[in-house]
Amino acid sequence: MAKRKGLPEDALDGLIGGGATRRKPTKKAPKEEPEHKSRFTTHIRKDVAEKARDVAYWERASLSAVVTEALEEYIAKREKKRGEPYPAREGQLKTGRPVS
């Protein structure tokens, strides 16, 4: 195999402290959610997701803040129409694809 031309392997040792050893990358611990927040995964229409991203961009807000505000307004509107707050759930929501 022909030797490639270029800088010798130790050419940059003077700049980085000669004989420096490379550190292995450390694995980051999983990010924990603050106690007052909850991860919320759902599927929504692509056009709605894009509009939410546009709002977040132009308002210089996080997508989480935009979605939280929208949900708060929606829930307040529904509870006002209903005349009272919704009670706490009595069980878990059904997951998966709806059966028709």
N, C-alpha and C. Protein backbone atom coordinates (compact mmCIF):
# COMPACT_ATOMS: atom_id res chain seq x y z
N MET A 1 0.85 -1.16 0.00
CA MET A 1 0.00 0.00 0.00
C MET A 1 0.90 1.23 0.00
N ALA A 2 0.62 2.17 -0.89
CA ALA A 2 1.42 3.39 -1.00
C ALA A 2 1.10 4.33 0.16
N LYS A 3 2.15 4.97 0.69
CA LYS A 3 1.97 5.90 1.78
C LYS A 3 1.43 7.21 1.22
N ARG A 4 0.39 7.75 1.89
CA ARG A 4 -0.21 9.01 1.43
C ARG A 4 0.68 10.17 1.82
N LYS A 5 0.75 11.15 0.94
CA LYS A 5 1.51 12.36 1.24
C LYS A 5 0.64 13.27 2.09
N GLY A 6 1.28 14.05 2.90
CA GLY A 6 0.55 14.98 3.74
C GLY A 6 1.33 15.21 5.02
N LEU A 7 0.66 15.72 6.00
CA LEU A 7 1.31 15.99 7.28
C LEU A 7 1.62 14.69 8.01
N PRO A 8 2.75 14.66 8.72
CA PRO A 8 3.02 13.48 9.53
C PRO A 8 2.01 13.40 10.67
N GLU A 9 1.84 12.22 11.24
CA GLU A 9 0.85 12.00 12.29
C GLU A 9 1.02 12.93 13.48
N ASP A 10 2.28 13.30 13.80
CA ASP A 10 2.52 14.13 14.98
C ASP A 10 2.66 15.62 14.64
N ALA A 11 2.24 16.03 13.47
CA ALA A 11 2.43 17.42 13.02
C ALA A 11 1.70 18.43 13.90
N LEU A 12 0.59 18.08 14.47
CA LEU A 12 -0.21 19.02 15.26
C LEU A 12 0.02 18.87 16.76
N ASP A 13 0.94 18.03 17.16
CA ASP A 13 1.19 17.81 18.58
C ASP A 13 1.53 19.10 19.32
N GLY A 14 2.25 20.00 18.68
CA GLY A 14 2.61 21.26 19.32
C GLY A 14 1.39 22.12 19.62
N LEU A 15 0.38 22.01 18.81
CA LEU A 15 -0.83 22.80 19.00
C LEU A 15 -1.76 22.20 20.05
N ILE A 16 -1.78 20.89 20.13
CA ILE A 16 -2.72 20.26 21.05
C ILE A 16 -2.04 19.64 22.26
N GLY A 17 -0.81 19.99 22.49
CA GLY A 17 -0.15 19.53 23.71
C GLY A 17 0.59 18.22 23.56
N GLY A 18 1.04 17.87 22.39
CA GLY A 18 1.87 16.70 22.15
C GLY A 18 1.45 15.43 22.85
N GLY A 19 1.27 14.42 22.11
CA GLY A 19 0.92 13.12 22.68
C GLY A 19 -0.44 13.09 23.36
N ALA A 20 -1.29 14.02 23.00
CA ALA A 20 -2.62 14.06 23.63
C ALA A 20 -3.38 12.80 23.27
N THR A 21 -4.08 12.29 24.22
CA THR A 21 -4.90 11.11 23.96
C THR A 21 -6.33 11.56 23.74
N ARG A 22 -6.99 10.86 22.90
CA ARG A 22 -8.39 11.19 22.63
C ARG A 22 -9.27 10.56 23.70
N ARG A 23 -10.22 11.32 24.13
CA ARG A 23 -11.18 10.80 25.10
C ARG A 23 -12.30 10.09 24.37
N LYS A 24 -12.78 9.04 24.98
CA LYS A 24 -13.94 8.36 24.43
C LYS A 24 -15.17 9.20 24.76
N PRO A 25 -16.09 9.32 23.81
CA PRO A 25 -17.30 10.09 24.12
C PRO A 25 -18.08 9.42 25.25
N THR A 26 -18.59 10.24 26.12
CA THR A 26 -19.37 9.68 27.23
C THR A 26 -20.83 9.66 26.84
N LYS A 27 -21.55 8.67 27.33
CA LYS A 27 -22.98 8.59 27.06
C LYS A 27 -23.70 9.53 28.01
N LYS A 28 -24.61 10.30 27.45
CA LYS A 28 -25.38 11.22 28.27
C LYS A 28 -26.53 10.46 28.93
N ALA A 29 -26.81 10.84 30.16
CA ALA A 29 -27.95 10.24 30.84
C ALA A 29 -29.22 10.72 30.17
N PRO A 30 -30.26 9.90 30.15
CA PRO A 30 -31.52 10.33 29.55
C PRO A 30 -32.03 11.59 30.23
N LYS A 31 -32.53 12.50 29.43
CA LYS A 31 -33.03 13.76 29.95
C LYS A 31 -34.32 13.51 30.74
N GLU A 32 -34.35 14.01 31.96
CA GLU A 32 -35.54 13.83 32.78
C GLU A 32 -36.46 15.02 32.61
N GLU A 33 -37.75 14.76 32.55
CA GLU A 33 -38.73 15.82 32.44
C GLU A 33 -38.91 16.48 33.80
N PRO A 34 -39.03 17.81 33.83
CA PRO A 34 -39.34 18.46 35.10
C PRO A 34 -40.66 17.93 35.65
N GLU A 35 -40.82 17.98 36.96
CA GLU A 35 -42.02 17.41 37.58
C GLU A 35 -43.30 18.05 37.09
N HIS A 36 -43.26 19.31 36.71
CA HIS A 36 -44.48 20.00 36.29
C HIS A 36 -44.78 19.82 34.80
N LYS A 37 -44.00 19.00 34.11
CA LYS A 37 -44.23 18.75 32.69
C LYS A 37 -44.41 17.27 32.44
N SER A 38 -45.05 16.95 31.33
CA SER A 38 -45.30 15.56 30.98
C SER A 38 -45.10 15.40 29.48
N ARG A 39 -44.43 14.32 29.08
CA ARG A 39 -44.26 14.03 27.65
C ARG A 39 -45.62 13.60 27.11
N PHE A 40 -45.97 14.12 25.94
CA PHE A 40 -47.30 13.90 25.38
C PHE A 40 -47.13 13.61 23.89
N THR A 41 -47.31 12.37 23.50
CA THR A 41 -47.12 11.98 22.11
C THR A 41 -48.47 11.69 21.48
N THR A 42 -48.71 12.29 20.32
CA THR A 42 -49.96 12.07 19.61
C THR A 42 -49.75 12.26 18.12
N HIS A 43 -50.68 11.82 17.33
CA HIS A 43 -50.63 12.00 15.88
C HIS A 43 -51.64 13.08 15.51
N ILE A 44 -51.18 14.08 14.76
CA ILE A 44 -52.08 15.12 14.26
C ILE A 44 -51.84 15.30 12.77
N ARG A 45 -52.79 15.96 12.12
CA ARG A 45 -52.64 16.20 10.68
C ARG A 45 -51.36 16.98 10.41
N LYS A 46 -50.71 16.66 9.30
CA LYS A 46 -49.44 17.28 8.94
C LYS A 46 -49.58 18.79 8.78
N ASP A 47 -50.69 19.26 8.17
CA ASP A 47 -50.86 20.70 7.95
C ASP A 47 -51.00 21.45 9.27
N VAL A 48 -51.65 20.82 10.26
CA VAL A 48 -51.79 21.45 11.57
C VAL A 48 -50.43 21.52 12.28
N ALA A 49 -49.66 20.44 12.17
CA ALA A 49 -48.32 20.42 12.77
C ALA A 49 -47.44 21.51 12.16
N GLU A 50 -47.51 21.67 10.85
CA GLU A 50 -46.70 22.68 10.17
C GLU A 50 -47.11 24.09 10.59
N LYS A 51 -48.42 24.34 10.71
CA LYS A 51 -48.89 25.65 11.15
C LYS A 51 -48.42 25.93 12.58
N ALA A 52 -48.47 24.92 13.45
CA ALA A 52 -48.00 25.10 14.83
C ALA A 52 -46.51 25.43 14.84
N ARG A 53 -45.73 24.78 14.00
CA ARG A 53 -44.31 25.08 13.90
C ARG A 53 -44.09 26.51 13.39
N ASP A 54 -44.92 26.93 12.42
CA ASP A 54 -44.82 28.30 11.91
C ASP A 54 -45.09 29.32 13.02
N VAL A 55 -46.14 29.08 13.80
CA VAL A 55 -46.47 29.98 14.91
C VAL A 55 -45.30 30.03 15.89
N ALA A 56 -44.77 28.87 16.25
CA ALA A 56 -43.64 28.83 17.19
C ALA A 56 -42.45 29.61 16.65
N TYR A 57 -42.17 29.46 15.37
CA TYR A 57 -41.04 30.16 14.75
C TYR A 57 -41.23 31.67 14.80
N TRP A 58 -42.38 32.15 14.33
CA TRP A 58 -42.61 33.59 14.23
C TRP A 58 -42.86 34.25 15.57
N GLU A 59 -43.37 33.51 16.53
CA GLU A 59 -43.60 34.05 17.87
C GLU A 59 -42.38 33.88 18.76
N ARG A 60 -41.35 33.22 18.22
CA ARG A 60 -40.14 32.94 18.98
C ARG A 60 -40.47 32.20 20.28
N ALA A 61 -41.30 31.19 20.13
CA ALA A 61 -41.73 30.38 21.26
C ALA A 61 -41.38 28.93 20.97
N SER A 62 -41.42 28.11 21.98
CA SER A 62 -41.18 26.69 21.75
C SER A 62 -42.48 26.06 21.23
N LEU A 63 -42.34 24.97 20.52
CA LEU A 63 -43.51 24.25 20.04
C LEU A 63 -44.34 23.77 21.23
N SER A 64 -43.67 23.38 22.29
CA SER A 64 -44.38 22.95 23.51
C SER A 64 -45.25 24.08 24.05
N ALA A 65 -44.74 25.30 24.06
CA ALA A 65 -45.51 26.44 24.57
C ALA A 65 -46.73 26.70 23.69
N VAL A 66 -46.56 26.61 22.38
CA VAL A 66 -47.67 26.84 21.45
C VAL A 66 -48.75 25.78 21.66
N VAL A 67 -48.36 24.52 21.73
CA VAL A 67 -49.33 23.44 21.90
C VAL A 67 -50.01 23.52 23.26
N THR A 68 -49.25 23.84 24.30
CA THR A 68 -49.83 23.96 25.64
C THR A 68 -50.89 25.07 25.67
N GLU A 69 -50.54 26.22 25.10
CA GLU A 69 -51.50 27.33 25.08
C GLU A 69 -52.76 26.96 24.29
N ALA A 70 -52.59 26.31 23.16
CA ALA A 70 -53.73 25.91 22.34
C ALA A 70 -54.63 24.92 23.09
N LEU A 71 -54.03 23.95 23.77
CA LEU A 71 -54.82 22.98 24.53
C LEU A 71 -55.53 23.64 25.70
N GLU A 72 -54.85 24.56 26.39
CA GLU A 72 -55.49 25.27 27.50
C GLU A 72 -56.71 26.04 27.03
N GLU A 73 -56.58 26.75 25.89
CA GLU A 73 -57.70 27.51 25.34
C GLU A 73 -58.84 26.58 24.91
N TYR A 74 -58.50 25.45 24.28
CA TYR A 74 -59.51 24.49 23.84
C TYR A 74 -60.26 23.91 25.03
N ILE A 75 -59.53 23.52 26.06
CA ILE A 75 -60.17 22.93 27.24
C ILE A 75 -61.07 23.95 27.93
N ALA A 76 -60.59 25.20 28.08
CA ALA A 76 -61.41 26.24 28.71
C ALA A 76 -62.69 26.47 27.92
N LYS A 77 -62.59 26.49 26.59
CA LYS A 77 -63.76 26.68 25.72
C LYS A 77 -64.76 25.53 25.90
N ARG A 78 -64.26 24.30 25.92
CA ARG A 78 -65.14 23.13 26.07
C ARG A 78 -65.81 23.11 27.45
N GLU A 79 -65.06 23.46 28.50
CA GLU A 79 -65.62 23.47 29.84
C GLU A 79 -66.65 24.58 30.01
N LYS A 80 -66.42 25.72 29.36
CA LYS A 80 -67.39 26.81 29.41
C LYS A 80 -68.68 26.38 28.73
N LYS A 81 -68.56 25.74 27.57
CA LYS A 81 -69.73 25.25 26.83
C LYS A 81 -70.47 24.19 27.65
N ARG A 82 -69.72 23.36 28.34
CA ARG A 82 -70.29 22.28 29.16
C ARG A 82 -70.92 22.82 30.44
N GLY A 83 -70.40 23.95 30.91
CA GLY A 83 -70.94 24.56 32.12
C GLY A 83 -70.22 24.16 33.39
N GLU A 84 -69.27 23.29 33.29
CA GLU A 84 -68.49 22.86 34.45
C GLU A 84 -67.22 22.16 33.98
N PRO A 85 -66.20 22.09 34.85
CA PRO A 85 -64.96 21.38 34.48
C PRO A 85 -65.21 19.88 34.31
N TYR A 86 -64.41 19.28 33.49
CA TYR A 86 -64.48 17.82 33.33
C TYR A 86 -63.91 17.17 34.58
N PRO A 87 -64.55 16.11 35.07
CA PRO A 87 -63.98 15.39 36.21
C PRO A 87 -62.76 14.59 35.78
N ALA A 88 -61.98 14.15 36.75
CA ALA A 88 -60.81 13.30 36.46
C ALA A 88 -61.27 11.99 35.83
N ARG A 89 -60.43 11.42 35.00
CA ARG A 89 -60.75 10.14 34.36
C ARG A 89 -60.95 9.05 35.40
N GLU A 90 -61.79 8.09 35.07
CA GLU A 90 -62.01 6.95 35.96
C GLU A 90 -61.17 5.76 35.52
N GLY A 91 -60.52 5.86 34.40
CA GLY A 91 -59.69 4.77 33.90
C GLY A 91 -58.74 5.30 32.84
N GLN A 92 -58.02 4.39 32.22
CA GLN A 92 -57.05 4.76 31.19
C GLN A 92 -57.76 4.98 29.86
N LEU A 93 -57.18 5.83 29.02
CA LEU A 93 -57.70 6.03 27.68
C LEU A 93 -57.40 4.79 26.85
N LYS A 94 -58.25 4.54 25.86
CA LYS A 94 -57.99 3.44 24.95
C LYS A 94 -56.85 3.85 24.03
N THR A 95 -55.94 2.93 23.77
CA THR A 95 -54.81 3.22 22.90
C THR A 95 -54.92 2.43 21.61
N GLY A 96 -54.18 2.82 20.63
CA GLY A 96 -54.15 2.09 19.37
C GLY A 96 -55.16 2.64 18.38
N ARG A 97 -55.23 1.98 17.28
CA ARG A 97 -56.10 2.38 16.18
C ARG A 97 -57.55 2.04 16.54
N PRO A 98 -58.49 2.99 16.29
CA PRO A 98 -59.89 2.70 16.59
C PRO A 98 -60.43 1.59 15.70
N VAL A 99 -61.27 0.78 16.25
CA VAL A 99 -61.91 -0.31 15.50
C VAL A 99 -63.24 0.22 14.97
N SER A 100 -63.43 0.09 13.64
CA SER A 100 -64.69 0.62 13.08
C SER A 100 -65.63 -0.47 12.67
